[in-house]
Protein backbone atom coordinates (compact mmCIF):
# COMPACT_ATOMS: atom_id res chain seq x y z
CA MET A 1 -30.25 13.69 -3.76
CA ASN A 2 -28.71 16.83 -5.63
CA LYS A 3 -26.28 14.38 -7.80
CA GLN A 4 -25.11 17.49 -9.83
CA LEU A 5 -24.39 19.78 -6.90
CA ILE A 6 -22.40 16.56 -5.05
CA ASN A 7 -20.84 15.80 -8.03
CA SER A 8 -19.71 19.63 -8.45
CA THR A 9 -18.54 20.27 -4.85
CA TYR A 10 -16.76 17.06 -4.88
CA ASN A 11 -14.45 17.88 -7.94
CA ASN A 12 -14.12 21.58 -6.72
CA PHE A 13 -12.22 20.13 -3.82
CA ALA A 14 -9.71 18.66 -6.18
CA ASN A 15 -9.10 22.01 -7.81
CA MET A 16 -8.31 23.74 -4.43
CA ASN A 17 -4.46 24.58 -3.59
CA LEU A 18 -4.08 24.17 -0.09
CA ASN A 19 -0.75 26.49 -0.50
CA MET A 20 -2.88 29.56 -1.20
CA PRO A 21 -5.58 31.08 1.18
CA ILE A 22 -9.07 30.98 -0.39
CA CYS A 23 -10.66 34.40 -0.90
CA PRO A 24 -13.57 35.11 1.24
CA ALA A 25 -16.31 34.84 -1.47
CA HIS A 26 -14.86 31.44 -2.27
CA VAL A 27 -15.15 30.16 0.90
CA THR A 28 -19.02 31.36 1.36
CA MET A 29 -19.46 29.85 -1.91
CA VAL A 30 -18.09 26.59 -0.37
CA LYS A 31 -19.59 26.35 2.75
CA ASN A 32 -23.33 27.49 1.35
CA ASP A 33 -22.84 24.40 -1.04
CA LEU A 34 -22.22 22.05 1.65
CA ILE A 35 -25.00 23.41 3.33
CA LYS A 36 -27.40 22.81 0.59
CA ILE A 37 -25.85 19.34 0.05
CA SER A 38 -26.13 18.62 3.99
CA LYS A 39 -30.05 20.09 3.75
CA ASP A 40 -30.62 17.61 0.72
CA ILE A 41 -29.57 14.63 2.31
CA GLU A 42 -30.78 15.28 6.00
CA THR A 43 -33.83 12.90 6.20
CA SER A 44 -31.62 9.70 3.79
CA GLU A 45 -28.12 10.14 5.65
CA LYS A 46 -28.48 12.12 8.99
CA PHE A 47 -24.98 11.27 9.91
CA PHE A 48 -23.28 12.39 7.05
CA SER A 49 -25.79 15.66 6.79
CA ASN A 50 -25.04 16.15 10.39
CA GLU A 51 -21.45 16.06 9.84
CA LEU A 52 -20.89 18.45 6.84
CA LEU A 53 -22.76 21.04 9.18
CA ARG A 54 -20.18 20.52 11.51
CA LEU A 55 -16.90 20.19 8.89
CA LYS A 56 -17.88 23.14 7.15
CA ASP A 57 -17.07 25.26 10.19
CA ARG A 58 -13.63 24.20 10.85
CA LEU A 59 -12.73 23.79 6.89
CA PHE A 60 -10.83 27.22 6.87
CA GLY A 61 -8.04 27.70 9.26
CA ASN A 62 -6.87 31.74 9.92
CA GLY A 63 -6.50 33.96 6.60
CA GLY A 64 -8.48 31.71 4.52
CA PHE A 65 -6.17 28.31 4.62
CA ILE A 66 -7.77 25.19 4.50
CA ILE A 67 -6.80 22.65 6.62
CA PRO A 68 -5.84 19.79 4.98
CA THR A 69 -7.34 17.18 7.83
CA ILE A 70 -10.97 18.65 7.48
CA MET A 71 -10.56 18.81 3.88
CA GLY A 72 -10.14 15.03 3.83
CA GLU A 73 -12.90 14.53 5.98
CA VAL A 74 -15.13 16.35 3.64
CA VAL A 75 -13.84 14.48 0.76
CA ALA A 76 -14.31 11.52 1.96
CA ILE A 77 -17.92 12.37 2.85
CA LEU A 78 -18.52 13.50 -0.61
CA LYS A 79 -17.06 10.46 -2.48
CA TYR A 80 -18.95 8.32 -0.51
CA LEU A 81 -22.22 10.37 -1.59
CA VAL A 82 -21.48 10.18 -5.25
CA ASP A 83 -20.57 6.43 -5.31
CA LYS A 84 -24.19 6.17 -3.55
CA CYS A 85 -25.90 8.69 -6.13
CA ASN A 86 -24.32 5.90 -8.48
CA ASN A 87 -25.15 2.88 -6.46
CA PRO A 88 -28.35 3.71 -4.40
CA GLN A 89 -28.36 -0.07 -2.68
CA GLU A 90 -25.13 -0.10 -1.70
CA ASP A 91 -24.02 0.19 2.00
CA MET A 92 -21.17 2.38 3.83
CA TRP A 93 -18.87 -0.54 3.54
CA SER A 94 -19.32 -0.48 -0.39
CA SER A 95 -17.53 2.88 -0.15
CA ILE A 96 -14.66 1.77 1.92
CA HIS A 97 -11.52 1.06 0.44
CA PRO A 98 -10.83 -3.23 0.20
CA GLN A 99 -7.50 -3.05 2.42
CA ILE A 100 -9.27 -0.85 5.00
CA GLU A 101 -12.54 -2.93 5.27
CA ARG A 102 -10.18 -6.04 5.09
CA VAL A 103 -8.46 -4.49 8.76
CA SER A 104 -10.98 -2.89 10.10
CA LYS A 105 -14.80 -4.25 9.36
CA GLN A 106 -14.95 -7.35 11.90
CA LEU A 107 -13.27 -4.73 14.82
CA PHE A 108 -15.96 -1.92 13.93
CA LEU A 109 -18.92 -4.86 13.79
CA ASP A 110 -17.38 -6.33 17.04
CA GLY A 111 -17.53 -2.81 18.34
CA HIS A 112 -14.12 -2.15 18.84
CA PHE A 113 -13.96 1.34 17.59
CA SER A 114 -11.06 2.52 18.61
CA ASN A 115 -8.95 -0.60 17.22
CA ALA A 116 -10.89 -0.31 14.28
CA ALA A 117 -9.86 3.41 13.15
CA GLU A 118 -6.38 2.93 14.32
CA ASP A 119 -5.41 -0.60 12.34
CA ALA A 120 -6.72 1.48 9.28
CA PHE A 121 -3.99 4.45 9.31
CA ILE A 122 -1.44 2.16 10.51
CA GLU A 123 -2.51 0.28 7.16
CA ILE A 124 -2.02 3.37 5.23
CA ASN A 125 1.47 3.62 7.05
CA ASP A 126 2.52 -0.04 6.23
CA ARG A 127 1.63 0.58 2.57
CA VAL A 128 3.53 3.69 2.11
CA LYS A 129 6.63 2.10 3.98
CA LYS A 130 6.53 -0.60 1.48
CA LEU A 131 6.49 1.34 -1.39
CA PHE A 132 9.15 3.23 -0.13
CA HIS A 133 11.24 -0.08 0.48
CA LYS A 134 10.53 -0.57 -2.74
CA LEU A 135 11.92 2.51 -4.40
CA GLU A 136 14.78 2.31 -1.75
CA PRO A 137 15.65 -1.05 -1.20
CA SER A 138 19.14 0.08 -0.29
CA MET A 139 17.48 2.48 2.23
CA VAL A 140 18.50 0.26 5.82
CA ALA A 141 16.09 2.79 8.56
CA ILE A 142 12.69 3.33 6.36
CA PRO A 143 11.20 6.54 7.70
CA ASP A 144 8.17 6.16 9.18
CA GLY A 145 4.63 8.21 10.03
CA CYS A 146 4.76 12.30 8.77
CA ASP A 147 8.50 11.38 7.72
CA VAL A 148 7.45 8.60 5.27
CA MET A 149 4.58 10.47 3.81
CA ASN A 150 6.91 13.25 3.13
CA LYS A 151 9.27 11.83 1.89
CA VAL A 152 7.01 9.46 -0.88
CA PHE A 153 4.96 12.61 -2.05
CA ALA A 154 7.61 15.31 -1.64
CA THR A 155 7.46 18.48 -3.87
CA GLY A 156 9.06 19.18 -7.02
CA ASP A 157 12.11 16.64 -7.90
CA LYS A 158 12.42 14.66 -5.00
CA ALA A 159 9.14 12.94 -5.24
CA MET A 160 9.02 9.04 -5.13
CA ILE A 161 5.62 8.84 -6.32
CA GLU A 162 3.64 11.25 -8.16
CA VAL A 163 -0.16 11.66 -7.57
CA CYS A 164 -0.97 12.52 -11.19
CA ASP A 165 0.42 15.01 -13.77
CA ARG A 166 1.90 17.98 -12.15
CA SER A 167 2.97 19.72 -15.41
CA THR A 168 -0.55 22.14 -14.58
CA GLN A 169 -1.14 23.91 -11.06
CA THR A 170 -4.27 21.44 -10.50
CA GLY A 171 -2.13 18.94 -10.53
CA VAL A 172 0.73 20.55 -8.25
CA ASN A 173 -2.32 21.23 -5.77
CA ILE A 174 -3.51 17.89 -6.04
CA HIS A 175 -0.23 16.22 -5.07
CA GLU A 176 0.36 18.58 -2.58
CA GLY A 177 -3.30 18.32 -0.68
CA THR A 178 -2.51 14.43 -0.69
CA ARG A 179 0.72 14.79 0.81
CA PHE A 180 -0.59 17.08 3.65
CA MET A 181 -3.61 15.24 4.22
CA LEU A 182 -1.35 11.74 4.85
CA ALA A 183 0.96 13.71 6.65
CA GLY A 184 -1.50 15.25 8.95
CA ALA A 185 -3.11 11.90 9.19
CA MET A 186 -0.35 10.18 10.32
CA SER A 187 0.17 12.70 13.28
CA ALA A 188 -3.40 13.04 13.97
CA LEU A 189 -5.29 9.74 13.64
CA ARG A 190 -2.60 7.06 13.16
CA ASN A 191 -2.42 6.45 16.88
CA PRO A 192 -4.55 7.91 19.57
CA LYS A 193 -3.43 5.76 22.19
CA ALA A 194 -0.11 7.47 22.28
CA HIS A 195 -2.01 10.29 22.92
CA SER A 196 -1.08 12.37 26.47
CA TYR A 197 -4.77 13.19 26.49
CA SER A 198 -7.42 10.36 26.62
CA VAL A 199 -9.26 9.62 23.48
CA VAL A 200 -12.62 8.21 23.18
CA ILE A 201 -13.59 6.83 19.75
CA THR A 202 -17.13 6.71 19.08
CA LYS A 203 -18.99 4.71 16.48
CA GLU A 204 -19.85 8.28 14.83
CA GLU A 205 -16.29 9.02 15.39
CA CYS A 206 -14.78 5.74 14.05
CA ILE A 207 -17.00 6.10 10.79
CA ARG A 208 -15.85 9.60 10.16
CA ARG A 209 -12.01 8.16 10.43
CA LEU A 210 -12.46 5.25 8.08
CA MET A 211 -14.38 7.30 5.61
CA PHE A 212 -10.85 9.62 5.86
CA ALA A 213 -8.68 6.55 5.84
CA SER A 214 -10.52 4.95 2.62
CA MET A 215 -10.36 8.27 0.74
CA LEU A 216 -6.44 8.54 1.50
CA MET A 217 -6.02 4.85 0.47
CA TYR A 218 -7.82 5.17 -2.93
CA LYS A 219 -5.59 8.03 -3.33
CA ILE A 220 -2.64 6.10 -2.88
CA ASP A 221 -3.94 3.79 -5.63
CA GLU A 222 -4.69 6.61 -8.14
CA ALA A 223 -0.65 7.53 -7.27
CA VAL A 224 0.39 3.82 -7.62
CA THR A 225 -1.14 3.35 -11.23
CA TYR A 226 0.15 7.32 -12.32
CA SER A 227 3.44 6.30 -10.98
CA ARG A 228 3.12 2.83 -12.60
CA ILE A 229 4.78 1.20 -9.72
CA ALA A 230 4.27 -3.00 -9.67
CA GLU A 231 3.65 -3.28 -5.65
């Protein structure tokens, strides 16, 4: 695998501002990099090679704005590839966050893909709700889902937890992007059974969701460490 390209593309995503449109030239560059990575891993990582090709065409919405949940899926795959470059003998679960592995691995291995994916995002929701309660112990009603993500990782002085140093624009982008991805995941992925349409979670779709959930959980780790919160 082209370690340098994977690392540079992974780092490039960290500097993207989800509040600003991406210029056409930058959009083309990002898509081309994903195509190069896809071709590079086509033999060794066929599933993720196909995923990058699929996601690159859904990554940018109208006006060049990046779609947070799709970005999260791409970043999760890139994180897996970065880890694999550093530890070539490791399997998928070595890149999955321990808390996600704990609630989802056995369900996945038993073929319960919908439950495995759902429990991963429920675990994220529960963790952030516990953080909210720790920081606001007097609050009787604890917000849930999108609401708790937007409150805990709010903008400006309202942020209860900071993902990183927000004194720079890059830091602001990372904090905002994390909030968007967490809130979007709660809306789109936490409880597929509650949606009005039938959602079939295949093994492949489950892998995508577990990778994304794991990436989000690691971002929460970073935020808890940076904000010096003892869970």
